[in-house]
Protein backbone atom coordinates (compact mmCIF):
# COMPACT_ATOMS: atom_id res chain seq x y z
CA MET A 1 98.24 135.62 236.36
CA SER A 2 100.03 137.49 233.50
CA SER A 3 100.02 141.23 234.09
CA GLY A 4 101.03 142.17 230.58
CA ILE A 5 104.13 143.89 231.91
CA PRO A 6 107.21 142.49 229.99
CA VAL A 7 109.81 140.71 232.22
CA ILE A 8 111.86 139.29 229.25
CA GLU A 9 112.12 140.93 225.89
CA ALA A 10 114.46 139.52 223.33
CA LYS A 11 114.68 141.20 219.87
CA ASN A 12 116.45 139.81 216.84
CA LEU A 13 118.56 137.57 219.08
CA SER A 14 121.14 135.54 217.09
CA LYS A 15 124.06 133.22 218.04
CA ASN A 16 126.64 131.70 215.77
CA PHE A 17 129.15 129.02 216.74
CA GLY A 18 131.54 129.28 213.86
CA ASN A 19 129.52 128.44 210.71
CA VAL A 20 126.69 126.97 212.80
CA GLN A 21 123.70 129.36 213.27
CA ALA A 22 122.24 128.12 216.59
CA VAL A 23 119.78 131.06 217.06
CA GLU A 24 118.63 133.41 214.32
CA ASN A 25 116.66 136.60 214.76
CA LEU A 26 114.77 135.18 217.74
CA ASP A 27 111.96 137.30 219.32
CA LEU A 28 110.55 136.60 222.82
CA THR A 29 108.23 138.34 225.22
CA VAL A 30 107.58 136.84 228.61
CA CYS A 31 105.20 138.89 230.94
CA GLU A 32 105.11 139.24 234.70
CA GLY A 33 103.14 136.35 236.18
CA ASP A 34 103.52 134.12 233.20
CA ILE A 35 104.20 130.35 233.26
CA PHE A 36 105.86 130.56 229.82
CA GLY A 37 106.44 127.43 227.92
CA PHE A 38 109.54 127.51 225.66
CA LEU A 39 109.27 124.68 223.19
CA GLY A 40 111.15 123.33 220.21
CA PRO A 41 112.70 120.15 218.77
CA ASN A 42 116.10 119.00 219.86
CA GLY A 43 118.68 121.33 218.36
CA ALA A 44 116.17 124.17 217.95
CA GLY A 45 118.17 126.62 219.97
CA LYS A 46 116.39 126.42 223.32
CA SER A 47 119.42 125.93 225.57
CA THR A 48 121.48 128.41 223.62
CA THR A 49 118.74 131.05 224.15
CA ILE A 50 118.59 130.24 227.91
CA ARG A 51 122.34 130.59 228.24
CA MET A 52 122.19 133.96 226.51
CA LEU A 53 119.42 135.04 228.94
CA LEU A 54 121.65 134.12 231.81
CA THR A 55 124.73 135.75 230.31
CA LEU A 56 126.51 132.36 230.19
CA ILE A 57 127.21 132.99 226.50
CA LYS A 58 127.26 136.19 224.57
CA PRO A 59 124.84 136.78 221.61
CA SER A 60 126.33 137.40 218.17
CA SER A 61 123.75 140.07 217.67
CA GLY A 62 120.36 141.29 218.99
CA ASP A 63 119.08 142.79 222.27
CA ILE A 64 117.77 141.44 225.59
CA HIS A 65 115.93 143.53 228.15
CA ILE A 66 114.95 141.88 231.50
CA PHE A 67 112.80 143.84 234.04
CA GLY A 68 112.84 146.62 231.54
CA LYS A 69 116.60 147.06 231.59
CA SER A 70 119.35 146.11 229.17
CA LEU A 71 120.93 142.81 230.29
CA PHE A 72 124.27 143.88 228.93
CA SER A 73 124.52 147.14 230.90
CA HIS A 74 122.65 146.06 234.10
CA ARG A 75 123.85 142.47 234.29
CA ASN A 76 124.55 142.10 238.05
CA GLU A 77 121.40 143.87 239.06
CA ILE A 78 119.24 141.76 236.81
CA LEU A 79 120.90 138.42 237.74
CA ARG A 80 120.26 139.14 241.38
CA ASN A 81 116.54 138.75 240.71
CA ILE A 82 116.82 135.53 238.52
CA GLY A 83 116.85 131.98 239.82
CA ALA A 84 117.74 129.23 237.36
CA ILE A 85 118.21 125.53 236.90
CA VAL A 86 120.12 124.73 233.73
CA GLU A 87 120.53 121.01 233.04
CA LYS A 88 120.80 119.09 236.31
CA PRO A 89 121.73 120.85 239.54
CA ASP A 90 125.12 119.97 241.09
CA PHE A 91 125.56 119.41 244.89
CA TYR A 92 128.13 118.11 247.26
CA LEU A 93 126.79 114.64 247.59
CA TYR A 94 128.41 113.89 250.96
CA LEU A 95 126.91 117.01 252.58
CA THR A 96 123.33 117.34 253.80
CA ALA A 97 120.64 119.24 251.93
CA TYR A 98 120.79 121.99 254.60
CA ARG A 99 124.56 122.30 254.44
CA ASN A 100 124.49 122.52 250.61
CA LEU A 101 122.00 125.31 250.65
CA GLU A 102 124.06 127.11 253.34
CA LEU A 103 127.34 126.84 251.36
CA LEU A 104 125.83 127.57 247.93
CA GLY A 105 123.70 130.36 249.35
CA ARG A 106 126.87 132.06 250.86
CA ILE A 107 128.63 131.89 247.52
CA SER A 108 125.68 133.63 245.74
CA GLY A 109 125.10 136.16 248.59
CA ALA A 110 121.61 134.80 249.54
CA ASN A 111 120.08 134.81 252.94
CA THR A 112 121.53 131.71 254.70
CA SER A 113 119.74 131.99 258.08
CA GLU A 114 118.34 128.81 259.43
CA LYS A 115 114.86 130.20 259.06
CA SER A 116 115.42 131.00 255.39
CA ILE A 117 116.98 127.66 254.49
CA MET A 118 114.24 125.67 256.24
CA GLU A 119 111.61 127.76 254.64
CA MET A 120 113.01 126.88 251.21
CA LEU A 121 113.25 123.18 252.05
CA ARG A 122 109.65 123.21 253.35
CA LEU A 123 108.58 124.91 250.18
CA VAL A 124 109.90 122.01 248.05
CA ASN A 125 108.81 119.44 250.60
CA LEU A 126 112.27 118.38 251.60
CA HIS A 127 112.27 119.76 255.22
CA GLU A 128 112.02 116.32 256.75
CA ARG A 129 115.17 115.35 254.87
CA ALA A 130 117.09 118.59 255.68
CA HIS A 131 119.85 116.72 257.51
CA SER A 132 120.12 113.76 255.14
CA LYS A 133 123.09 113.51 252.86
CA VAL A 134 122.26 114.40 249.19
CA LYS A 135 123.77 111.17 247.99
CA THR A 136 120.73 109.40 249.50
CA PHE A 137 118.32 111.56 247.40
CA SER A 138 116.41 110.45 244.34
CA TYR A 139 116.80 112.32 241.06
CA GLY A 140 113.51 114.10 241.71
CA MET A 141 114.61 115.16 245.21
CA LYS A 142 117.73 116.61 243.74
CA GLN A 143 115.74 118.56 241.23
CA ARG A 144 113.55 120.02 244.01
CA LEU A 145 116.60 120.86 246.06
CA GLY A 146 117.85 122.66 242.99
CA ILE A 147 114.76 124.73 242.92
CA ALA A 148 115.20 125.49 246.68
CA GLN A 149 118.70 126.69 245.83
CA ALA A 150 117.41 128.88 243.04
CA LEU A 151 114.82 130.41 245.34
CA LEU A 152 117.11 131.25 248.28
CA HIS A 153 117.63 134.84 247.16
CA ASP A 154 113.86 135.30 246.48
CA PRO A 155 114.16 135.97 242.69
CA LYS A 156 111.30 137.55 240.58
CA LEU A 157 112.03 135.34 237.56
CA ILE A 158 112.72 131.57 237.62
CA ILE A 159 114.27 130.04 234.47
CA LEU A 160 114.00 126.19 234.25
CA ASP A 161 115.71 124.22 231.44
CA GLU A 162 114.00 120.77 231.22
CA PRO A 163 113.17 120.49 234.97
CA THR A 164 111.30 117.18 234.49
CA ASN A 165 114.06 115.49 232.45
CA GLY A 166 114.69 112.09 233.83
CA LEU A 167 111.89 112.18 236.41
CA ASP A 168 109.40 109.36 236.94
CA PRO A 169 105.65 110.17 236.75
CA VAL A 170 105.53 110.91 240.55
CA GLY A 171 108.49 113.28 240.18
CA VAL A 172 106.96 114.96 237.12
CA LYS A 173 103.75 115.64 239.07
CA GLU A 174 105.67 116.98 242.07
CA MET A 175 107.59 119.35 239.82
CA ARG A 176 104.38 120.46 238.06
CA ASP A 177 102.68 121.20 241.37
CA LEU A 178 105.68 123.04 242.55
CA ILE A 179 105.85 125.27 239.48
CA LEU A 180 102.17 126.06 239.79
CA MET A 181 102.49 126.94 243.43
CA LEU A 182 105.48 129.29 242.78
CA ALA A 183 103.49 131.09 240.16
CA LYS A 184 100.19 131.33 242.02
CA GLU A 185 101.22 131.67 245.65
CA ARG A 186 104.68 133.21 245.32
CA ASN A 187 103.88 135.45 242.36
CA LYS A 188 106.93 134.22 240.46
CA THR A 189 107.32 134.47 236.72
CA ILE A 190 108.39 131.08 235.27
CA PHE A 191 110.22 130.57 232.04
CA LEU A 192 110.01 126.80 231.40
CA SER A 193 111.90 125.02 228.61
CA SER A 194 110.57 121.47 228.15
CA HIS A 195 109.95 118.75 225.57
CA ILE A 196 107.21 117.04 227.63
CA LEU A 197 104.37 118.77 225.83
CA PRO A 198 101.36 117.46 227.92
CA GLU A 199 103.06 118.94 231.03
CA VAL A 200 103.49 122.33 229.38
CA GLU A 201 99.86 122.25 228.20
CA MET A 202 98.66 121.63 231.73
CA ILE A 203 100.54 124.47 233.39
CA ALA A 204 101.62 127.14 230.84
CA ASN A 205 99.41 130.19 230.09
CA ARG A 206 101.68 131.49 227.25
CA MET A 207 104.30 129.83 225.09
CA ALA A 208 106.67 130.11 222.15
CA ILE A 209 107.66 127.41 219.74
CA ILE A 210 111.04 127.76 218.08
CA ASN A 211 112.57 125.78 215.25
CA LYS A 212 115.98 126.11 213.60
CA GLY A 213 116.87 128.93 216.05
CA THR A 214 113.90 131.25 215.23
CA THR A 215 110.47 131.86 216.75
CA VAL A 216 107.81 130.09 214.74
CA VAL A 217 104.75 130.99 216.83
CA GLN A 218 104.20 132.81 220.16
CA GLY A 219 101.08 133.67 222.18
CA GLU A 220 98.51 132.41 224.69
CA VAL A 221 98.34 128.61 224.83
CA ARG A 222 94.57 128.46 224.70
CA GLN A 223 94.24 130.76 221.75
CA LEU A 224 96.92 129.02 219.76
CA LEU A 225 95.43 125.55 220.36
CA ASN A 226 91.90 126.80 219.51
CA GLY A 227 92.92 128.37 216.17
CA GLY A 228 93.27 126.70 212.79
CA ARG A 229 92.54 123.17 211.98
CA THR A 230 91.84 120.76 214.80
CA THR A 231 90.44 117.34 215.43
CA ILE A 232 86.80 117.28 216.70
CA ARG A 233 85.38 114.15 218.20
CA PHE A 234 81.58 113.65 217.67
CA THR A 235 79.94 110.89 219.78
CA VAL A 236 76.89 109.60 217.90
CA ASN A 237 73.93 107.32 218.73
CA ASN A 238 73.83 105.60 215.29
CA MET A 239 77.25 104.95 213.82
CA GLU A 240 76.13 103.33 210.61
CA LYS A 241 73.74 106.14 209.78
CA ALA A 242 76.38 108.74 210.61
CA LYS A 243 78.90 107.03 208.32
CA GLY A 244 76.39 106.93 205.48
CA VAL A 245 75.45 110.60 205.60
CA LEU A 246 79.09 111.66 206.07
CA ALA A 247 80.06 109.66 202.98
CA GLN A 248 77.73 111.86 200.92
CA SER A 249 78.85 115.06 202.48
CA ARG A 250 81.66 117.58 201.83
CA TRP A 251 83.37 116.26 205.03
CA SER A 252 83.82 112.71 203.70
CA ASN A 253 87.58 113.27 203.15
CA VAL A 254 88.44 114.78 206.51
CA VAL A 255 87.35 111.83 208.76
CA THR A 256 90.44 110.59 210.58
CA HIS A 257 88.96 107.87 212.80
CA PHE A 258 85.83 105.73 213.34
CA ASP A 259 84.98 103.42 216.25
CA THR A 260 81.76 102.12 217.62
CA THR A 261 80.49 105.45 219.02
CA ASP A 262 83.01 108.19 217.97
CA ILE A 263 83.91 109.94 214.72
CA HIS A 264 86.97 112.16 214.45
CA LEU A 265 87.17 114.92 211.80
CA GLU A 266 90.04 117.25 211.11
CA VAL A 267 88.38 120.60 210.35
CA GLU A 268 88.48 124.34 211.08
CA ASN A 269 87.17 125.04 214.54
CA GLU A 270 84.40 127.28 213.28
CA GLU A 271 82.95 124.25 211.26
CA THR A 272 82.05 122.41 214.40
CA ALA A 273 78.56 124.00 214.74
CA GLU A 274 77.81 123.53 211.06
CA ILE A 275 78.69 119.83 211.24
CA ASN A 276 76.59 119.33 214.31
CA ARG A 277 73.59 120.99 212.50
CA PHE A 278 74.30 118.63 209.49
CA PHE A 279 74.08 115.57 211.73
CA VAL A 280 70.90 116.76 213.44
CA HIS A 281 69.29 117.62 210.12
CA ASN A 282 70.01 114.02 209.02
CA ASP A 283 68.50 112.51 212.19
CA VAL A 284 71.85 111.52 213.67
CA GLU A 285 71.80 112.38 217.45
CA ILE A 286 75.00 113.78 218.82
CA THR A 287 75.65 112.96 222.51
CA ALA A 288 79.03 114.70 222.82
CA ILE A 289 81.39 117.06 220.97
CA GLU A 290 85.00 117.54 222.00
CA SER A 291 88.03 119.15 220.54
CA THR A 292 90.90 116.70 220.82
CA ARG A 293 93.61 118.86 219.48
CA SER A 294 96.57 118.77 221.86
CA LEU A 295 99.71 120.84 222.23
CA GLU A 296 101.60 117.84 220.70
CA GLU A 297 99.52 117.97 217.45
CA PHE A 298 99.90 121.70 217.33
CA PHE A 299 103.64 121.48 217.92
CA LEU A 300 104.13 118.87 215.25
CA SER A 301 102.10 120.81 212.69
CA ILE A 302 103.87 124.06 213.35
CA THR A 303 107.34 122.60 213.30
CA LYS A 304 106.50 120.68 210.09
CA GLU A 305 105.33 123.89 208.42
CA SER A 306 108.54 125.73 209.39
CA ASP A 307 110.64 122.77 208.08
CA ASN A 308 108.82 122.88 204.82
CA GLY A 309 108.96 126.68 204.67
């Protein structure tokens, strides 16, 4: 549950690679307890932003505060409280999961006691494979082992760059459940970059969409999806009558879909009650009303607007 206390604050963040502007005046605020979805088309600047947050590359300009402190002057202290997976995690394939965590934990200064390592493996549901060589693991198991590695030092903030990339549906669900558990039961703040929009919609409470290196929109997922124009599905008892009265109404040009029982209209959210009254007034019984706007629709409309802007 978001506390409203900022964990990540990026202001006017920019990064140039020669003549290429990868990130331009980007603003981000991630609060304690958030599962924060960080979205954007390919090439939007997501990975570049994450690398700046982890000090893997230096910003051309702008400011980053994490845990209320400047990342540039408190780098080591801040990074000790961050766990991250950027791209795919790398392991020694011919060593066991346990031995990998032990070696990598020592390098990072984490607790490498048997109790700590087994607790992390249990957390990601790999404890029964603790002494199996990583070369025998599926891609999804390696991703979960990567999260176990990132958690060894008990960080407050976890940054995940496309953690479900390349996973099958079972692996995607396992990763989703793990992220939800880390946020709810372990009180971790999760910063999640992803292009799998339905997954983000299911787990994120706040999000930012970036395009061409700059923040296009940022806020609570529910509020953003409920604002503006959306697609409303009306289930009716008499389709022919409903089509007839709609054809004579001011909503005749916003109908996007008909089938035997459902009509889809793209309208402002606040028009829903008015359209329902219109149907009832014209003796068309409505048996169900549902907003069908998805994060994918919102994402496409927002990025299209910013491209045209």
